[in-house]
Every structure is written in C-alpha cells, then in structure tokens.
C-alpha atoms as a PDB file:
ATOM      1  CA  UNK A   1       0.000   0.000   0.000  1.00  0.00           C
ATOM      2  CA  UNK A   2       1.426   3.358  -0.955  1.00  0.00           C
ATOM      3  CA  UNK A   3       1.455   6.301   1.388  1.00  0.00           C
ATOM      4  CA  UNK A   4      -0.785   8.980  -0.097  1.00  0.00           C
ATOM      5  CA  UNK A   5      -0.515  11.393   2.809  1.00  0.00           C
ATOM      6  CA  UNK A   6       0.620  14.860   1.713  1.00  0.00           C
ATOM      7  CA  UNK A   7       4.257  15.770   2.154  1.00  0.00           C
ATOM      8  CA  UNK A   8       4.913  18.153   5.026  1.00  0.00           C
ATOM      9  CA  UNK A   9       5.064  21.795   4.024  1.00  0.00           C
ATOM     10  CA  UNK A  10       8.606  23.121   3.893  1.00  0.00           C
ATOM     11  CA  UNK A  11       9.662  25.305   6.796  1.00  0.00           C
ATOM     12  CA  UNK A  12      10.251  28.791   5.465  1.00  0.00           C
ATOM     13  CA  UNK A  13      12.676  31.246   7.058  1.00  0.00           C
ATOM     14  CA  UNK A  14      11.086  34.098   9.033  1.00  0.00           C
ATOM     15  CA  UNK A  15       9.350  36.752   6.878  1.00  0.00           C
ATOM     16  CA  UNK A  16       9.370  34.650   3.694  1.00  0.00           C
ATOM     17  CA  UNK A  17       5.952  33.540   2.390  1.00  0.00           C
ATOM     18  CA  UNK A  18       7.415  31.387  -0.394  1.00  0.00           C
ATOM     19  CA  UNK A  19      10.732  30.452  -1.979  1.00  0.00           C
ATOM     20  CA  UNK A  20      11.326  29.426  -5.577  1.00  0.00           C
ATOM     21  CA  UNK A  21      14.541  29.049  -7.559  1.00  0.00           C
ATOM     22  CA  UNK A  22      15.317  32.115  -9.643  1.00  0.00           C
ATOM     23  CA  UNK A  23      15.624  31.379 -13.375  1.00  0.00           C
ATOM     24  CA  UNK A  24      15.819  33.559 -16.477  1.00  0.00           C
ATOM     25  CA  UNK A  25      13.168  31.440 -18.153  1.00  0.00           C
ATOM     26  CA  UNK A  26      10.605  31.997 -15.414  1.00  0.00           C
ATOM     27  CA  UNK A  27      11.532  35.398 -14.045  1.00  0.00           C
ATOM     28  CA  UNK A  28      12.890  37.321 -17.043  1.00  0.00           C
ATOM     29  CA  UNK A  29      10.344  40.119 -16.606  1.00  0.00           C
ATOM     30  CA  UNK A  30      10.911  40.703 -12.895  1.00  0.00           C
ATOM     31  CA  UNK A  31      12.398  43.901 -11.566  1.00  0.00           C
ATOM     32  CA  UNK A  32      13.416  44.891  -8.029  1.00  0.00           C
ATOM     33  CA  UNK A  33      12.149  48.154  -6.595  1.00  0.00           C
ATOM     34  CA  UNK A  34      12.452  49.940  -3.266  1.00  0.00           C
ATOM     35  CA  UNK A  35       9.475  48.919  -1.118  1.00  0.00           C
ATOM     36  CA  UNK A  36      10.589  49.757   2.416  1.00  0.00           C
ATOM     37  CA  UNK A  37      10.525  47.461   5.427  1.00  0.00           C
ATOM     38  CA  UNK A  38       6.798  47.079   5.939  1.00  0.00           C
ATOM     39  CA  UNK A  39       7.279  43.333   5.465  1.00  0.00           C
ATOM     40  CA  UNK A  40       9.087  43.282   8.837  1.00  0.00           C
ATOM     41  CA  UNK A  41       6.443  45.216  10.797  1.00  0.00           C
ATOM     42  CA  UNK A  42       5.076  42.053  12.392  1.00  0.00           C
ATOM     43  CA  UNK A  43       8.299  40.532  13.705  1.00  0.00           C
ATOM     44  CA  UNK A  44       9.823  41.248  17.103  1.00  0.00           C
ATOM     45  CA  UNK A  45      13.119  39.333  16.818  1.00  0.00           C
ATOM     46  CA  UNK A  46      15.404  39.432  13.785  1.00  0.00           C
ATOM     47  CA  UNK A  47      18.247  36.941  13.138  1.00  0.00           C
ATOM     48  CA  UNK A  48      21.704  38.453  13.474  1.00  0.00           C
ATOM     49  CA  UNK A  49      25.178  37.387  12.369  1.00  0.00           C
ATOM     50  CA  UNK A  50      28.017  37.696  14.845  1.00  0.00           C
ATOM     51  CA  UNK A  51      29.796  40.038  12.415  1.00  0.00           C
ATOM     52  CA  UNK A  52      27.000  42.548  13.079  1.00  0.00           C
ATOM     53  CA  UNK A  53      27.215  42.526  16.883  1.00  0.00           C
ATOM     54  CA  UNK A  54      29.564  45.497  17.211  1.00  0.00           C
ATOM     55  CA  UNK A  55      27.235  47.913  15.415  1.00  0.00           C
ATOM     56  CA  UNK A  56      23.874  46.286  16.255  1.00  0.00           C
ATOM     57  CA  UNK A  57      24.596  46.283  19.999  1.00  0.00           C
ATOM     58  CA  UNK A  58      24.587  50.097  19.938  1.00  0.00           C
ATOM     59  CA  UNK A  59      20.992  50.099  18.673  1.00  0.00           C
ATOM     60  CA  UNK A  60      19.193  46.981  19.966  1.00  0.00           C
ATOM     61  CA  UNK A  61      19.241  44.365  22.716  1.00  0.00           C
ATOM     62  CA  UNK A  62      20.862  41.163  21.417  1.00  0.00           C
ATOM     63  CA  UNK A  63      19.803  37.827  22.925  1.00  0.00           C
ATOM     64  CA  UNK A  64      19.952  34.162  21.960  1.00  0.00           C
ATOM     65  CA  UNK A  65      16.884  32.097  21.118  1.00  0.00           C
ATOM     66  CA  UNK A  66      15.545  29.700  23.716  1.00  0.00           C
ATOM     67  CA  UNK A  67      15.489  26.918  21.109  1.00  0.00           C
ATOM     68  CA  UNK A  68      18.731  25.144  20.178  1.00  0.00           C
ATOM     69  CA  UNK A  69      21.070  25.948  18.515  1.00  0.00           C
ATOM     70  CA  UNK A  70      20.418  29.242  20.363  1.00  0.00           C
ATOM     71  CA  UNK A  71      21.043  31.604  17.470  1.00  0.00           C
ATOM     72  CA  UNK A  72      21.374  35.337  18.173  1.00  0.00           C
ATOM     73  CA  UNK A  73      18.595  37.803  17.396  1.00  0.00           C
ATOM     74  CA  UNK A  74      18.033  41.517  17.873  1.00  0.00           C
ATOM     75  CA  UNK A  75      14.907  42.433  19.827  1.00  0.00           C
ATOM     76  CA  UNK A  76      12.797  45.112  18.136  1.00  0.00           C
ATOM     77  CA  UNK A  77       9.569  44.560  20.074  1.00  0.00           C
ATOM     78  CA  UNK A  78       8.311  42.849  23.227  1.00  0.00           C
ATOM     79  CA  UNK A  79       5.176  41.301  21.752  1.00  0.00           C
ATOM     80  CA  UNK A  80       5.220  38.652  19.040  1.00  0.00           C
ATOM     81  CA  UNK A  81       3.761  40.861  16.298  1.00  0.00           C
ATOM     82  CA  UNK A  82       5.305  44.258  17.062  1.00  0.00           C
ATOM     83  CA  UNK A  83       8.351  45.914  15.533  1.00  0.00           C
ATOM     84  CA  UNK A  84       8.855  49.346  17.085  1.00  0.00           C
ATOM     85  CA  UNK A  85      11.364  50.383  14.421  1.00  0.00           C
ATOM     86  CA  UNK A  86       9.111  50.268  11.347  1.00  0.00           C
ATOM     87  CA  UNK A  87       6.724  53.144  10.721  1.00  0.00           C
ATOM     88  CA  UNK A  88       3.278  52.896   9.171  1.00  0.00           C
ATOM     89  CA  UNK A  89       4.889  53.989   5.895  1.00  0.00           C
ATOM     90  CA  UNK A  90       7.350  51.064   6.007  1.00  0.00           C
ATOM     91  CA  UNK A  91      10.328  53.311   6.709  1.00  0.00           C
ATOM     92  CA  UNK A  92      12.943  52.022   9.178  1.00  0.00           C
ATOM     93  CA  UNK A  93      13.677  54.262  12.152  1.00  0.00           C
ATOM     94  CA  UNK A  94      16.120  56.998  11.155  1.00  0.00           C
ATOM     95  CA  UNK A  95      19.673  56.356  12.300  1.00  0.00           C
ATOM     96  CA  UNK A  96      18.991  52.785  13.399  1.00  0.00           C
ATOM     97  CA  UNK A  97      21.037  49.906  12.013  1.00  0.00           C
ATOM     98  CA  UNK A  98      19.129  47.649   9.603  1.00  0.00           C
ATOM     99  CA  UNK A  99      20.102  43.978  10.121  1.00  0.00           C
ATOM    100  CA  UNK A 100      21.536  42.196   7.086  1.00  0.00           C
ATOM    101  CA  UNK A 101      18.743  39.617   7.332  1.00  0.00           C
ATOM    102  CA  UNK A 102      16.285  42.314   6.268  1.00  0.00           C
ATOM    103  CA  UNK A 103      18.554  43.837   3.636  1.00  0.00           C
ATOM    104  CA  UNK A 104      18.834  40.427   1.962  1.00  0.00           C
ATOM    105  CA  UNK A 105      15.057  40.105   1.513  1.00  0.00           C
ATOM    106  CA  UNK A 106      13.449  39.019  -0.836  1.00  0.00           C
ATOM    107  CA  UNK A 107      16.421  36.858  -1.905  1.00  0.00           C
ATOM    108  CA  UNK A 108      17.620  33.708  -0.135  1.00  0.00           C
ATOM    109  CA  UNK A 109      20.199  31.003  -0.820  1.00  0.00           C
ATOM    110  CA  UNK A 110      19.070  27.396  -0.526  1.00  0.00           C
ATOM    111  CA  UNK A 111      21.207  24.261  -0.709  1.00  0.00           C
ATOM    112  CA  UNK A 112      20.248  22.179  -3.735  1.00  0.00           C
ATOM    113  CA  UNK A 113      20.441  19.001  -1.633  1.00  0.00           C
ATOM    114  CA  UNK A 114      21.105  18.123   1.982  1.00  0.00           C
ATOM    115  CA  UNK A 115      24.832  18.086   2.619  1.00  0.00           C
ATOM    116  CA  UNK A 116      25.583  19.751  -0.712  1.00  0.00           C
ATOM    117  CA  UNK A 117      27.823  22.810  -0.995  1.00  0.00           C
ATOM    118  CA  UNK A 118      25.955  23.954  -4.108  1.00  0.00           C
ATOM    119  CA  UNK A 119      23.630  26.883  -3.440  1.00  0.00           C
ATOM    120  CA  UNK A 120      20.692  28.097  -5.517  1.00  0.00           C
ATOM    121  CA  UNK A 121      19.473  31.688  -5.387  1.00  0.00           C
ATOM    122  CA  UNK A 122      15.774  31.742  -4.573  1.00  0.00           C
ATOM    123  CA  UNK A 123      13.222  34.523  -4.228  1.00  0.00           C
ATOM    124  CA  UNK A 124       9.973  35.230  -2.454  1.00  0.00           C
ATOM    125  CA  UNK A 125       8.097  36.072  -5.629  1.00  0.00           C
ATOM    126  CA  UNK A 126       5.151  37.446  -3.612  1.00  0.00           C
ATOM    127  CA  UNK A 127       7.299  40.179  -2.082  1.00  0.00           C
ATOM    128  CA  UNK A 128       6.314  43.784  -2.730  1.00  0.00           C
ATOM    129  CA  UNK A 129       9.898  44.446  -3.849  1.00  0.00           C
ATOM    130  CA  UNK A 130       9.200  42.700  -7.149  1.00  0.00           C
ATOM    131  CA  UNK A 131       7.512  44.395 -10.088  1.00  0.00           C
ATOM    132  CA  UNK A 132       7.319  43.963 -13.842  1.00  0.00           C
ATOM    133  CA  UNK A 133       7.033  47.694 -14.545  1.00  0.00           C
ATOM    134  CA  UNK A 134       9.504  49.521 -12.270  1.00  0.00           C
ATOM    135  CA  UNK A 135      12.856  48.994 -10.618  1.00  0.00           C
ATOM    136  CA  UNK A 136      16.091  47.319 -11.704  1.00  0.00           C
ATOM    137  CA  UNK A 137      15.892  44.313 -13.995  1.00  0.00           C
ATOM    138  CA  UNK A 138      17.088  40.926 -12.767  1.00  0.00           C
ATOM    139  CA  UNK A 139      18.069  39.719 -16.238  1.00  0.00           C
ATOM    140  CA  UNK A 140      19.244  41.441 -19.383  1.00  0.00           C
ATOM    141  CA  UNK A 141      17.752  40.988 -22.839  1.00  0.00           C
ATOM    142  CA  UNK A 142      20.305  38.216 -23.378  1.00  0.00           C
ATOM    143  CA  UNK A 143      18.976  36.310 -20.361  1.00  0.00           C
ATOM    144  CA  UNK A 144      22.136  36.871 -18.353  1.00  0.00           C
ATOM    145  CA  UNK A 145      22.087  38.217 -14.757  1.00  0.00           C
ATOM    146  CA  UNK A 146      22.361  41.981 -14.467  1.00  0.00           C
ATOM    147  CA  UNK A 147      24.964  43.622 -12.161  1.00  0.00           C
ATOM    148  CA  UNK A 148      22.164  44.168  -9.640  1.00  0.00           C
ATOM    149  CA  UNK A 149      21.445  40.441  -9.519  1.00  0.00           C
ATOM    150  CA  UNK A 150      25.158  39.665  -9.254  1.00  0.00           C
ATOM    151  CA  UNK A 151      25.315  41.970  -6.222  1.00  0.00           C
ATOM    152  CA  UNK A 152      22.281  40.290  -4.679  1.00  0.00           C
ATOM    153  CA  UNK A 153      23.853  36.865  -5.093  1.00  0.00           C
ATOM    154  CA  UNK A 154      27.158  38.044  -3.614  1.00  0.00           C
ATOM    155  CA  UNK A 155      25.351  39.580  -0.629  1.00  0.00           C
ATOM    156  CA  UNK A 156      23.370  36.384  -0.031  1.00  0.00           C
ATOM    157  CA  UNK A 157      26.516  34.264  -0.282  1.00  0.00           C
ATOM    158  CA  UNK A 158      28.299  36.463   2.246  1.00  0.00           C
ATOM    159  CA  UNK A 159      25.273  36.282   4.529  1.00  0.00           C
ATOM    160  CA  UNK A 160      25.188  32.483   4.273  1.00  0.00           C
ATOM    161  CA  UNK A 161      28.851  32.244   5.239  1.00  0.00           C
ATOM    162  CA  UNK A 162      28.351  34.654   8.131  1.00  0.00           C
ATOM    163  CA  UNK A 163      25.400  32.669   9.474  1.00  0.00           C
ATOM    164  CA  UNK A 164      27.389  29.424   9.288  1.00  0.00           C
ATOM    165  CA  UNK A 165      30.097  31.051  11.438  1.00  0.00           C
ATOM    166  CA  UNK A 166      27.405  32.372  13.770  1.00  0.00           C
ATOM    167  CA  UNK A 167      25.887  28.927  14.226  1.00  0.00           C
ATOM    168  CA  UNK A 168      29.324  27.437  14.960  1.00  0.00           C
ATOM    169  CA  UNK A 169      29.946  30.112  17.580  1.00  0.00           C
ATOM    170  CA  UNK A 170      26.528  29.582  19.179  1.00  0.00           C
ATOM    171  CA  UNK A 171      27.231  25.857  19.372  1.00  0.00           C
ATOM    172  CA  UNK A 172      30.627  26.490  20.980  1.00  0.00           C
ATOM    173  CA  UNK A 173      29.063  28.789  23.593  1.00  0.00           C
ATOM    174  CA  UNK A 174      26.455  26.122  24.304  1.00  0.00           C
ATOM    175  CA  UNK A 175      29.161  23.451  24.647  1.00  0.00           C
ATOM    176  CA  UNK A 176      30.874  25.629  27.252  1.00  0.00           C
ATOM    177  CA  UNK A 177      27.555  25.837  29.115  1.00  0.00           C
ATOM    178  CA  UNK A 178      27.588  29.619  28.817  1.00  0.00           C
ATOM    179  CA  UNK A 179      24.141  30.087  27.239  1.00  0.00           C
ATOM    180  CA  UNK A 180      21.424  29.705  29.871  1.00  0.00           C
ATOM    181  CA  UNK A 181      17.761  30.745  30.256  1.00  0.00           C
ATOM    182  CA  UNK A 182      17.757  34.384  31.298  1.00  0.00           C
ATOM    183  CA  UNK A 183      15.472  37.194  32.442  1.00  0.00           C
ATOM    184  CA  UNK A 184      15.744  40.938  32.940  1.00  0.00           C
ATOM    185  CA  UNK A 185      13.857  42.488  35.848  1.00  0.00           C
ATOM    186  CA  UNK A 186      13.376  46.220  36.317  1.00  0.00           C
ATOM    187  CA  UNK A 187      10.885  48.825  37.478  1.00  0.00           C
ATOM    188  CA  UNK A 188       8.760  50.862  35.098  1.00  0.00           C
ATOM    189  CA  UNK A 189       6.330  53.554  36.208  1.00  0.00           C
ATOM    190  CA  UNK A 190       6.650  52.245  39.742  1.00  0.00           C
ATOM    191  CA  UNK A 191       5.731  48.690  38.781  1.00  0.00           C
ATOM    192  CA  UNK A 192       8.040  45.660  38.589  1.00  0.00           C
ATOM    193  CA  UNK A 193       8.561  44.204  35.114  1.00  0.00           C
ATOM    194  CA  UNK A 194      10.214  41.024  33.902  1.00  0.00           C
ATOM    195  CA  UNK A 195      11.312  40.069  30.388  1.00  0.00           C
ATOM    196  CA  UNK A 196      12.257  36.432  29.832  1.00  0.00           C
ATOM    197  CA  UNK A 197      11.956  33.603  27.299  1.00  0.00           C
ATOM    198  CA  UNK A 198      15.452  33.936  25.897  1.00  0.00           C
ATOM    199  CA  UNK A 199      18.985  32.662  26.502  1.00  0.00           C
ATOM    200  CA  UNK A 200      21.970  34.792  27.419  1.00  0.00           C
ATOM    201  CA  UNK A 201      25.556  34.417  28.520  1.00  0.00           C
ATOM    202  CA  UNK A 202      25.529  33.381  32.180  1.00  0.00           C
ATOM    203  CA  UNK A 203      27.998  35.756  33.812  1.00  0.00           C
ATOM    204  CA  UNK A 204      28.993  33.388  36.618  1.00  0.00           C
ATOM    205  CA  UNK A 205      29.747  30.575  34.174  1.00  0.00           C
ATOM    206  CA  UNK A 206      31.695  32.994  31.998  1.00  0.00           C
ATOM    207  CA  UNK A 207      33.756  34.224  34.953  1.00  0.00           C
ATOM    208  CA  UNK A 208      34.520  30.625  35.964  1.00  0.00           C
ATOM    209  CA  UNK A 209      36.007  29.618  32.603  1.00  0.00           C
ATOM    210  CA  UNK A 210      39.610  28.412  32.811  1.00  0.00           C
ATOM    211  CA  UNK A 211      42.281  30.613  31.261  1.00  0.00           C
ATOM    212  CA  UNK A 212      42.795  28.353  28.230  1.00  0.00           C
ATOM    213  CA  UNK A 213      39.093  28.517  27.331  1.00  0.00           C
ATOM    214  CA  UNK A 214      39.110  32.305  27.611  1.00  0.00           C
ATOM    215  CA  UNK A 215      42.134  32.362  25.320  1.00  0.00           C
ATOM    216  CA  UNK A 216      40.243  30.260  22.775  1.00  0.00           C
ATOM    217  CA  UNK A 217      37.283  32.648  22.894  1.00  0.00           C
ATOM    218  CA  UNK A 218      39.659  35.564  22.452  1.00  0.00           C
ATOM    219  CA  UNK A 219      41.399  33.972  19.484  1.00  0.00           C
ATOM    220  CA  UNK A 220      38.201  33.068  17.627  1.00  0.00           C
ATOM    221  CA  UNK A 221      36.656  36.501  18.141  1.00  0.00           C
ATOM    222  CA  UNK A 222      33.999  35.355  20.586  1.00  0.00           C
ATOM    223  CA  UNK A 223      34.963  37.699  23.423  1.00  0.00           C
ATOM    224  CA  UNK A 224      33.925  40.764  21.433  1.00  0.00           C
ATOM    225  CA  UNK A 225      30.614  39.057  20.648  1.00  0.00           C
ATOM    226  CA  UNK A 226      30.034  38.154  24.300  1.00  0.00           C
ATOM    227  CA  UNK A 227      30.736  41.643  25.623  1.00  0.00           C
ATOM    228  CA  UNK A 228      28.609  43.313  22.946  1.00  0.00           C
ATOM    229  CA  UNK A 229      25.731  40.964  23.789  1.00  0.00           C
ATOM    230  CA  UNK A 230      25.984  41.536  27.550  1.00  0.00           C
ATOM    231  CA  UNK A 231      26.126  45.306  27.198  1.00  0.00           C
ATOM    232  CA  UNK A 232      23.204  45.369  24.757  1.00  0.00           C
ATOM    233  CA  UNK A 233      20.810  43.601  27.142  1.00  0.00           C
ATOM    234  CA  UNK A 234      20.685  46.819  29.120  1.00  0.00           C
ATOM    235  CA  UNK A 235      18.526  48.178  26.305  1.00  0.00           C
ATOM    236  CA  UNK A 236      15.547  45.952  27.160  1.00  0.00           C
ATOM    237  CA  UNK A 237      14.099  48.317  29.809  1.00  0.00           C
ATOM    238  CA  UNK A 238      14.490  51.203  27.332  1.00  0.00           C
ATOM    239  CA  UNK A 239      12.609  49.218  24.691  1.00  0.00           C
ATOM    240  CA  UNK A 240       9.847  48.435  27.198  1.00  0.00           C
ATOM    241  CA  UNK A 241       9.558  52.141  28.033  1.00  0.00           C
ATOM    242  CA  UNK A 242       9.343  53.013  24.329  1.00  0.00           C
ATOM    243  CA  UNK A 243       6.525  50.520  23.801  1.00  0.00           C
ATOM    244  CA  UNK A 244       4.642  51.807  26.850  1.00  0.00           C
ATOM    245  CA  UNK A 245       4.960  55.462  25.850  1.00  0.00           C
ATOM    246  CA  UNK A 246       2.014  55.584  23.357  1.00  0.00           C
ATOM    247  CA  UNK A 247      -0.309  53.976  25.888  1.00  0.00           C
ATOM    248  CA  UNK A 248       0.746  56.469  28.530  1.00  0.00           C
ATOM    249  CA  UNK A 249       0.264  59.454  26.230  1.00  0.00           C
END
C-alpha cells in the first residue's frame, strides 16, 4: 500500500511567504524596486550574524533564542507581532542599524540538496519588492544576470557564510555551558517588570572559565561578541519604556 498522505510543508525562514529558484526562463520580466521594510512590521526578533554585533549592539538588545542551537537575534519589540522600528509607511527608524537579514530580503540562498555545498538563489516572488514595470531588472535581454542580480547573489553568499560562522559560535558557547535561560527584571512607572523567554551568557559561568578557554574565545573573536551581547541587554528596559509610551500618552 502506498502512502498517499501529503508531504509536510517546507519550513520557510522568518518573513518569507514562499521560496522558488530564480531562473531567467521563469523570471525574465521581474524587476526589483524599493518597497521599504513594511514586510518586517510584524516581527519582534530578527536573526543576526556575529559580524553585526559590534554595530547592532549600539541600537538593539541582542539575545539568543531559547530553542537550540540558540542563534542570536536583535529584539525590536516585546510582543510577538510588534516591531517598534518600522513606521506605518514602512520606513525604518532613522539612524537605526538595519540587520543584514532584512537587507537580503526578498532573496535567499538554498542548498540544492542536503549536505551539498551547491547553493541556488531563490526569491519570495510574492514580495512587494518585485515588479514587472519599475525597478532594476534581474536579467538582461540576453537572459544573463544583471549587475544588480550579481550583487544580490554576492550579498546572499556572504550572509550564508556569516550565518554558518554564527551557528558554529553559538554551538561552541552552548558546549561551554555559557548560554542559559535568562530574564531581565526592572521597574517601570513604579511597577516591577520582567522580560524572559530567551537565553543569554551566564555571567557566573563565563567568569569561571579556565584561562585556556578564555584564550580560545579571544582567538576566535567570541569575546567581542560576548561583551557586545551583555552590554546590549541593558537596552531591554528602554525598549519596554518606548513601547509603553504611546499607551501612557
């Protein structure tokens, strides 16, 4: 007897509603236009590469997800569907760093097969960034990628490499037992508040590391990441105050 049950739906990365391989035959007419960041208005945590920690930590709290492999994210809202940095017009908050994860959208690299090193450039064809009447063309009249598409592929490839390094670092921090469930408690408008549901570097475990482990973290660039993360968490009360401000007005 054959199994006629439907195959499970593929798990899409956050913010993507679909992914399909980009080809000149199928997408020759597509153009990419500026459409703002309205697509990210309903997300409160955005994936982050460790290479971004130094700049991102000056703008957002950085935490690690509660689910293994405990990847880092920037917190842009304290409710599941709220991003405090995107206006109603889709414009990102002036002066605030825009994570590379958002700047890559609506492109994404996908491995052609499990365990393969070959990557295929895919797109979310439903994204508002795509048009057939305005913007930069993806392909020339000869069917070859335009410079814009070459840049998009290069950016996605760099992002993929950065996220692989980020995952390896997160796994090394987990192996050292440094990432633990965490919470931030503070007072707002005279009332106690608590933000939890994430992982963070456990300061006591970090302080107890032997000298050779600290040297390893220094040599692989992890110390800068750790300190940026720990300092950034102090921004959670500020974010809570920002979200409460409209209600108090």
